[in-house]
N, C-alpha and C. Protein backbone atom coordinates (compact mmCIF):
# COMPACT_ATOMS: atom_id res chain seq x y z
N MET A 1 14.78 -45.56 2.71
CA MET A 1 14.43 -44.45 2.18
C MET A 1 13.77 -43.69 3.04
N PRO A 2 13.67 -42.17 3.88
CA PRO A 2 12.86 -41.88 4.53
C PRO A 2 11.47 -41.55 4.10
N ASN A 3 10.65 -41.66 5.37
CA ASN A 3 9.38 -41.49 4.96
C ASN A 3 8.85 -39.90 5.28
N HIS A 4 8.68 -39.19 4.15
CA HIS A 4 8.63 -37.94 3.86
C HIS A 4 7.15 -37.64 4.58
N ALA A 5 6.37 -38.24 4.32
CA ALA A 5 5.14 -37.92 4.98
C ALA A 5 5.14 -38.03 6.40
N ALA A 6 5.94 -38.77 7.18
CA ALA A 6 5.71 -38.74 8.67
C ALA A 6 6.53 -37.36 9.04
N VAL A 7 7.48 -36.65 8.17
CA VAL A 7 8.32 -35.77 8.69
C VAL A 7 7.32 -34.22 8.63
N SER A 8 6.07 -34.50 7.35
CA SER A 8 5.31 -33.32 7.64
C SER A 8 4.05 -33.75 8.46
N ASP A 9 3.76 -34.53 8.82
CA ASP A 9 2.99 -34.81 10.42
C ASP A 9 3.57 -34.35 11.76
N ASN A 10 4.86 -34.21 11.35
CA ASN A 10 5.55 -33.86 13.08
C ASN A 10 4.99 -32.13 13.24
N PRO A 11 4.40 -32.07 14.57
CA PRO A 11 4.42 -30.71 14.92
C PRO A 11 5.25 -29.86 15.02
N ILE A 12 6.19 -30.59 15.68
CA ILE A 12 7.44 -29.45 15.49
C ILE A 12 7.97 -28.83 14.32
N VAL A 13 7.91 -29.84 13.19
CA VAL A 13 8.01 -29.16 11.85
C VAL A 13 6.97 -28.40 11.43
N MET A 14 5.81 -28.47 11.76
CA MET A 14 4.79 -27.96 11.29
C MET A 14 5.18 -26.16 11.97
N ASN A 15 5.49 -26.11 13.30
CA ASN A 15 5.32 -25.12 14.04
C ASN A 15 6.80 -24.40 13.30
N LYS A 16 7.85 -24.75 13.25
CA LYS A 16 9.04 -24.56 12.52
C LYS A 16 8.56 -23.34 11.65
N ALA A 17 7.82 -24.36 10.75
CA ALA A 17 7.19 -23.73 9.49
C ALA A 17 6.35 -22.40 9.29
N ALA A 18 5.72 -22.81 10.62
CA ALA A 18 4.69 -21.47 10.83
C ALA A 18 5.47 -20.28 11.42
N PHE A 19 6.30 -20.37 12.16
CA PHE A 19 7.01 -19.47 12.88
C PHE A 19 8.08 -18.98 11.75
N LEU A 20 8.59 -19.36 10.82
CA LEU A 20 9.14 -18.77 9.88
C LEU A 20 8.27 -17.96 9.49
N THR A 21 7.29 -18.32 8.66
CA THR A 21 6.49 -17.82 7.77
C THR A 21 5.84 -16.91 8.67
N SER A 22 5.43 -16.74 9.54
CA SER A 22 4.90 -15.30 10.22
C SER A 22 6.24 -14.47 10.52
N ALA A 23 7.17 -14.74 10.80
CA ALA A 23 8.60 -13.85 11.52
C ALA A 23 8.82 -13.32 9.95
N GLY A 24 8.94 -13.81 8.90
CA GLY A 24 8.96 -13.51 7.54
C GLY A 24 8.08 -12.52 7.12
N GLN A 25 7.14 -12.54 7.26
CA GLN A 25 5.72 -11.81 6.92
C GLN A 25 5.96 -10.49 7.68
N LEU A 26 6.52 -10.42 9.04
CA LEU A 26 6.71 -9.30 10.09
C LEU A 26 7.70 -8.67 9.26
N ILE A 27 8.88 -9.17 9.44
CA ILE A 27 9.96 -8.43 8.74
C ILE A 27 9.45 -7.95 7.06
N VAL A 28 8.93 -8.95 6.19
CA VAL A 28 8.30 -7.88 4.97
C VAL A 28 7.80 -6.92 5.49
N GLU A 29 6.58 -6.90 6.11
CA GLU A 29 5.80 -5.88 6.44
C GLU A 29 6.45 -4.37 7.39
N ARG A 30 7.31 -5.03 8.11
CA ARG A 30 8.20 -3.50 8.62
C ARG A 30 9.22 -2.89 7.70
N HIS A 31 9.47 -3.55 7.12
CA HIS A 31 10.39 -2.77 6.18
C HIS A 31 9.90 -2.33 4.86
N ALA A 32 8.25 -3.09 4.97
CA ALA A 32 7.35 -2.10 3.70
C ALA A 32 7.03 -0.49 4.42
N ASN A 33 7.01 -0.91 5.55
CA ASN A 33 6.75 0.55 6.56
C ASN A 33 8.06 1.48 5.95
N PHE A 34 9.17 0.98 6.39
CA PHE A 34 10.46 1.65 6.34
C PHE A 34 10.10 2.26 4.89
N ALA A 35 9.99 1.75 3.85
CA ALA A 35 9.84 1.72 2.16
C ALA A 35 9.06 3.00 2.35
N THR A 36 8.00 2.94 2.95
CA THR A 36 7.04 4.15 2.72
C THR A 36 7.18 5.31 3.23
N VAL A 37 8.34 5.49 4.47
CA VAL A 37 8.89 6.55 4.85
C VAL A 37 9.74 7.02 3.94
N ALA A 38 10.60 6.13 3.27
CA ALA A 38 11.95 6.42 2.73
C ALA A 38 11.11 7.27 1.46
N GLY A 39 10.18 6.95 0.85
CA GLY A 39 9.46 7.34 -0.39
C GLY A 39 8.82 8.62 -0.09
N LEU A 40 9.24 8.91 1.16
CA LEU A 40 8.56 10.56 1.15
C LEU A 40 9.94 11.59 1.19
N ILE A 41 11.07 10.99 1.06
CA ILE A 41 12.00 11.94 0.90
C ILE A 41 11.87 12.80 -0.30
N PRO A 42 12.24 14.20 -0.17
CA PRO A 42 11.58 14.96 -1.13
C PRO A 42 13.03 15.12 -1.95
N LEU A 43 13.81 14.13 -2.24
CA LEU A 43 15.04 14.57 -3.37
C LEU A 43 15.00 13.49 -4.24
N PRO A 44 14.61 13.56 -5.38
CA PRO A 44 14.42 12.53 -6.61
C PRO A 44 15.64 11.78 -6.33
N TRP A 45 16.07 10.25 -6.60
CA TRP A 45 16.99 9.29 -6.69
C TRP A 45 17.13 9.15 -5.58
N VAL A 46 17.61 10.12 -4.41
CA VAL A 46 18.15 9.94 -3.09
C VAL A 46 17.05 9.19 -2.43
N ASP A 47 15.42 9.08 -2.84
CA ASP A 47 14.73 8.36 -2.07
C ASP A 47 14.98 7.21 -2.51
N LEU A 48 15.25 6.65 -3.87
CA LEU A 48 15.22 5.47 -4.81
C LEU A 48 16.72 4.53 -4.07
N ALA A 49 17.61 5.35 -4.03
CA ALA A 49 18.79 4.99 -2.91
C ALA A 49 18.34 4.35 -1.61
N ALA A 50 17.49 5.01 -0.93
CA ALA A 50 17.00 4.78 0.47
C ALA A 50 16.16 3.65 0.21
N ILE A 51 15.51 3.32 -0.65
CA ILE A 51 14.53 2.16 -0.69
C ILE A 51 15.53 0.78 -0.95
N THR A 52 16.33 1.09 -2.06
CA THR A 52 17.24 -0.20 -2.12
C THR A 52 17.96 -0.36 -0.83
N ALA A 53 18.40 0.20 -0.40
CA ALA A 53 18.97 0.25 1.09
C ALA A 53 18.26 -0.64 2.07
N ILE A 54 16.82 -0.32 1.91
CA ILE A 54 16.00 -1.21 2.86
C ILE A 54 15.75 -2.17 2.28
N VAL A 55 15.55 -2.16 1.12
CA VAL A 55 15.26 -3.81 0.55
C VAL A 55 15.98 -4.96 0.64
N ASP A 56 17.71 -3.75 0.59
CA ASP A 56 18.96 -4.75 0.85
C ASP A 56 18.86 -5.34 2.10
N ARG A 57 18.80 -4.91 3.10
CA ARG A 57 18.61 -5.22 4.88
C ARG A 57 17.48 -6.10 4.85
N MET A 58 16.52 -5.57 4.26
CA MET A 58 15.42 -6.75 4.27
C MET A 58 15.62 -8.12 4.30
N LEU A 59 16.55 -8.47 2.56
CA LEU A 59 16.94 -9.63 2.06
C LEU A 59 17.86 -10.17 3.32
N ARG A 60 19.04 -9.59 3.78
CA ARG A 60 19.44 -10.28 4.71
C ARG A 60 18.96 -10.54 6.36
N LYS A 61 18.21 -10.11 6.70
CA LYS A 61 17.32 -10.37 7.53
C LYS A 61 16.35 -11.85 6.99
N LEU A 62 15.78 -11.82 6.18
CA LEU A 62 15.05 -12.82 5.97
C LEU A 62 15.86 -13.68 5.63
N ALA A 63 17.11 -13.65 5.12
CA ALA A 63 17.79 -14.99 4.76
C ALA A 63 18.61 -15.46 6.10
N ARG A 64 19.12 -14.63 7.01
CA ARG A 64 19.67 -15.01 8.41
C ARG A 64 17.97 -15.79 9.41
N LEU A 65 16.71 -15.39 9.01
CA LEU A 65 15.87 -15.90 9.30
C LEU A 65 15.82 -17.35 9.22
N HIS A 66 16.10 -17.81 7.88
CA HIS A 66 16.20 -18.86 7.68
C HIS A 66 17.40 -19.88 7.50
N GLY A 67 18.33 -19.20 8.41
CA GLY A 67 19.68 -20.07 8.81
C GLY A 67 20.58 -19.66 7.47
N LYS A 68 20.28 -18.85 6.52
CA LYS A 68 21.03 -18.70 5.10
C LYS A 68 22.15 -17.70 5.31
N ARG A 69 23.53 -17.63 5.00
CA ARG A 69 23.87 -16.55 4.96
C ARG A 69 24.43 -15.89 3.74
N LEU A 70 23.95 -14.61 3.76
CA LEU A 70 23.78 -13.31 2.18
C LEU A 70 25.03 -12.40 2.64
N ASP A 71 26.24 -12.64 1.74
CA ASP A 71 27.00 -11.31 2.35
C ASP A 71 26.26 -9.93 1.90
N GLY A 72 26.93 -9.18 1.97
CA GLY A 72 26.57 -7.66 1.69
C GLY A 72 26.33 -7.70 0.43
N GLU A 73 27.74 -8.01 0.24
CA GLU A 73 28.19 -6.92 -1.52
C GLU A 73 26.38 -8.35 -2.42
N ARG A 74 26.52 -9.25 -1.99
CA ARG A 74 25.54 -10.15 -2.97
C ARG A 74 23.60 -9.61 -2.62
N SER A 75 23.65 -9.06 -1.28
CA SER A 75 22.54 -8.93 -1.19
C SER A 75 22.11 -7.59 -2.10
N LYS A 76 23.15 -6.47 -2.09
CA LYS A 76 22.94 -5.51 -2.80
C LYS A 76 22.88 -5.67 -4.22
N GLN A 77 23.34 -6.95 -5.11
CA GLN A 77 23.28 -7.09 -6.23
C GLN A 77 22.06 -7.83 -6.37
N LEU A 78 21.20 -8.47 -5.41
CA LEU A 78 20.09 -8.92 -5.19
C LEU A 78 18.84 -7.83 -4.94
N ALA A 79 19.02 -7.27 -4.40
CA ALA A 79 18.60 -6.05 -4.18
C ALA A 79 18.03 -5.10 -5.22
N ALA A 80 19.03 -4.54 -5.98
CA ALA A 80 19.10 -3.83 -7.64
C ALA A 80 18.73 -4.84 -8.49
N ALA A 81 18.82 -5.80 -8.36
CA ALA A 81 18.43 -6.83 -9.43
C ALA A 81 16.84 -6.91 -9.41
N MET A 82 16.18 -7.05 -7.99
CA MET A 82 14.65 -7.73 -8.10
C MET A 82 14.25 -6.22 -8.09
N LEU A 83 14.84 -5.17 -7.93
CA LEU A 83 13.91 -4.05 -8.01
C LEU A 83 13.93 -3.34 -9.25
N THR A 84 14.76 -3.48 -10.15
CA THR A 84 14.96 -3.28 -11.54
C THR A 84 14.53 -3.98 -12.80
N GLY A 85 14.53 -5.66 -12.27
CA GLY A 85 14.00 -6.59 -13.19
C GLY A 85 12.47 -6.53 -13.50
N MET A 86 12.09 -6.69 -11.74
CA MET A 86 10.76 -6.83 -11.33
C MET A 86 9.98 -5.56 -11.24
N ALA A 87 10.36 -4.49 -10.73
CA ALA A 87 9.80 -3.17 -10.53
C ALA A 87 10.40 -2.12 -11.56
N ALA A 88 10.34 -2.60 -13.18
CA ALA A 88 10.04 -1.49 -13.98
C ALA A 88 9.00 -0.66 -13.81
N PRO A 89 7.89 -0.77 -13.86
CA PRO A 89 6.54 0.00 -13.88
C PRO A 89 6.84 0.95 -12.51
N GLY A 90 7.42 0.51 -11.32
CA GLY A 90 7.67 1.11 -10.00
C GLY A 90 8.77 2.45 -10.47
N ILE A 91 9.60 1.59 -10.90
CA ILE A 91 10.86 2.74 -11.43
C ILE A 91 10.40 3.86 -12.14
N ALA A 92 9.31 3.33 -13.01
CA ALA A 92 8.93 4.43 -14.02
C ALA A 92 8.01 5.40 -13.12
N SER A 93 7.33 5.07 -12.27
CA SER A 93 6.41 5.60 -11.31
C SER A 93 7.65 6.67 -10.31
N PHE A 94 8.71 6.06 -10.05
CA PHE A 94 9.81 7.07 -9.41
C PHE A 94 10.28 8.11 -9.89
N THR A 95 10.59 7.93 -11.16
CA THR A 95 11.03 9.01 -12.38
C THR A 95 9.77 9.94 -12.63
N THR A 96 8.75 9.60 -13.00
CA THR A 96 7.32 10.49 -13.20
C THR A 96 7.26 11.19 -11.86
N THR A 97 7.48 10.87 -10.48
CA THR A 97 7.12 11.36 -9.53
C THR A 97 8.27 12.57 -9.10
N GLY A 98 9.24 12.17 -9.77
CA GLY A 98 10.46 13.14 -9.40
C GLY A 98 10.54 14.06 -10.42
N LEU A 99 9.92 14.19 -11.45
CA LEU A 99 9.49 15.14 -12.07
C LEU A 99 8.45 15.96 -11.59
N PHE A 100 7.15 15.59 -10.76
CA PHE A 100 5.97 16.20 -10.32
C PHE A 100 6.82 16.82 -9.26
N ARG A 101 7.80 16.48 -8.33
CA ARG A 101 8.60 17.18 -7.61
C ARG A 101 9.08 18.78 -7.95
N VAL A 102 9.70 18.64 -8.90
CA VAL A 102 10.17 19.75 -9.79
C VAL A 102 9.13 21.06 -9.24
N THR A 103 8.00 20.77 -9.79
CA THR A 103 6.80 21.95 -9.24
C THR A 103 6.34 21.72 -8.19
N ILE A 104 6.24 23.01 -7.20
CA ILE A 104 5.97 23.14 -6.05
C ILE A 104 4.64 22.97 -5.90
N GLY A 105 3.63 22.87 -6.48
CA GLY A 105 2.16 22.45 -6.08
C GLY A 105 2.05 20.93 -6.23
N GLN A 106 2.74 20.00 -7.21
CA GLN A 106 2.90 19.10 -7.25
C GLN A 106 3.66 17.93 -6.60
N HIS A 107 4.78 18.57 -5.54
CA HIS A 107 5.31 17.77 -4.28
C HIS A 107 4.97 17.02 -3.85
N PHE A 108 3.45 17.58 -3.05
CA PHE A 108 2.68 16.01 -2.06
C PHE A 108 1.91 15.21 -3.08
N ILE A 109 1.79 15.28 -4.19
CA ILE A 109 1.25 13.66 -5.29
C ILE A 109 2.39 12.92 -5.51
N GLY A 110 3.62 13.73 -5.80
CA GLY A 110 4.42 12.97 -6.01
C GLY A 110 5.55 11.94 -5.18
N SER A 111 5.51 12.71 -3.95
CA SER A 111 6.05 12.00 -2.79
C SER A 111 4.82 10.97 -2.45
N THR A 112 3.58 11.31 -2.28
CA THR A 112 2.75 10.07 -2.02
C THR A 112 2.77 8.88 -2.99
N ILE A 113 3.04 9.18 -4.29
CA ILE A 113 2.88 8.17 -5.39
C ILE A 113 4.15 7.20 -4.81
N THR A 114 5.53 8.24 -4.69
CA THR A 114 6.50 7.33 -4.26
C THR A 114 6.74 6.67 -3.31
N SER A 115 6.02 7.01 -2.22
CA SER A 115 5.59 6.18 -0.96
C SER A 115 4.99 4.84 -1.16
N ILE A 116 3.76 5.03 -1.86
CA ILE A 116 2.27 4.10 -1.87
C ILE A 116 3.76 2.76 -3.04
N SER A 117 4.40 3.57 -3.89
CA SER A 117 4.95 2.49 -4.60
C SER A 117 5.89 1.60 -4.01
N ALA A 118 7.02 2.39 -3.15
CA ALA A 118 7.89 1.66 -2.46
C ALA A 118 7.27 0.63 -1.77
N ALA A 119 6.55 0.89 -0.73
CA ALA A 119 5.57 -0.03 -0.02
C ALA A 119 5.51 -1.12 -0.87
N VAL A 120 4.39 -1.07 -1.80
CA VAL A 120 3.88 -2.37 -2.71
C VAL A 120 5.32 -2.92 -3.03
N LEU A 121 6.07 -2.23 -3.68
CA LEU A 121 7.18 -3.29 -4.39
C LEU A 121 8.27 -3.82 -3.51
N VAL A 122 8.54 -3.04 -1.96
CA VAL A 122 9.08 -3.95 -0.99
C VAL A 122 8.15 -4.98 -0.57
N ARG A 123 6.94 -5.01 -0.45
CA ARG A 123 6.06 -5.92 -0.19
C ARG A 123 6.52 -7.24 -1.13
N VAL A 124 6.49 -7.01 -2.66
CA VAL A 124 6.50 -7.88 -3.90
C VAL A 124 7.83 -8.85 -3.55
N VAL A 125 8.75 -7.98 -3.39
CA VAL A 125 10.31 -8.28 -3.61
C VAL A 125 10.17 -9.17 -2.37
N GLY A 126 9.64 -8.73 -1.36
CA GLY A 126 9.90 -9.55 0.38
C GLY A 126 9.55 -10.96 0.34
N LYS A 127 7.90 -10.88 -0.61
CA LYS A 127 7.37 -12.12 -0.63
C LYS A 127 7.89 -13.00 -1.61
N ILE A 128 8.16 -12.56 -2.41
CA ILE A 128 8.88 -13.67 -3.60
C ILE A 128 10.53 -14.09 -3.18
N TYR A 129 10.84 -13.20 -2.66
CA TYR A 129 12.46 -13.96 -1.87
C TYR A 129 11.97 -15.24 -0.71
N LEU A 130 10.85 -14.60 0.46
CA LEU A 130 10.11 -15.73 1.49
C LEU A 130 9.91 -16.40 0.57
N THR A 131 9.17 -16.68 -0.84
CA THR A 131 8.93 -18.15 -1.09
C THR A 131 10.14 -18.86 -1.88
N HIS A 132 11.10 -18.24 -2.13
CA HIS A 132 12.02 -18.88 -2.48
C HIS A 132 12.88 -19.35 -1.29
N LEU A 133 13.01 -18.84 -0.40
CA LEU A 133 13.56 -19.50 0.88
C LEU A 133 12.79 -20.86 1.56
N ARG A 134 11.71 -20.54 1.26
CA ARG A 134 10.57 -21.51 1.88
C ARG A 134 11.05 -23.06 1.06
N GLU A 135 10.95 -22.45 -0.19
CA GLU A 135 11.22 -23.52 -1.55
C GLU A 135 12.62 -24.55 -1.08
N GLU A 136 13.61 -23.16 -0.64
CA GLU A 136 14.97 -24.24 -0.58
C GLU A 136 14.87 -24.90 0.70
N ASP A 137 14.28 -24.37 1.65
CA ASP A 137 13.91 -25.05 3.37
C ASP A 137 13.32 -26.52 2.97
N SER A 138 12.32 -26.39 1.72
CA SER A 138 11.66 -27.68 1.63
C SER A 138 12.06 -28.67 1.01
N SER A 139 13.16 -28.29 -0.04
CA SER A 139 13.84 -29.34 -0.78
C SER A 139 14.17 -30.49 0.08
N PRO A 140 14.42 -31.36 -0.47
CA PRO A 140 15.10 -32.72 0.37
C PRO A 140 16.32 -32.63 -0.23
N VAL A 141 17.17 -32.79 0.76
CA VAL A 141 18.72 -32.99 0.48
C VAL A 141 19.25 -34.12 -0.13
N ILE A 142 20.02 -34.39 -1.31
CA ILE A 142 20.36 -35.40 -1.73
C ILE A 142 21.95 -35.63 -1.25
N ASN A 143 22.02 -36.94 -0.81
CA ASN A 143 23.60 -36.95 -0.35
C ASN A 143 24.12 -38.10 -1.34
N ALA A 144 25.41 -37.74 -2.13
CA ALA A 144 25.87 -38.48 -3.11
C ALA A 144 26.32 -39.62 -2.68
């Protein structure tokens, strides 16, 4: 039976974990910034499609960082599920701000709210997926 305490004391293993954590956080922050810009797209629902594409790309990059394969179709399904399942208040915000955009004076307010909501949602989705990947990496492999 392997000694798991000895593995966790290994500085190479700890450095790899620290690297994966910091690189993953950089990927999440970069894509949150992309989503902030996508939230400024002045067309309702087009901004939501752009943000979904950004989340899709972020999930694939995070999976690749952790040595996992995530095909395009699966990442699109995950992106859509995470955005709709976890972010119902955010989607309500997108809908509300889409209505704000109809009136000329409220366009700036609607774009700002969508942009901020997009950044927050992408960060939340990214952090949850990073946690999932870290748990997968740290779970022991059982050979039958």
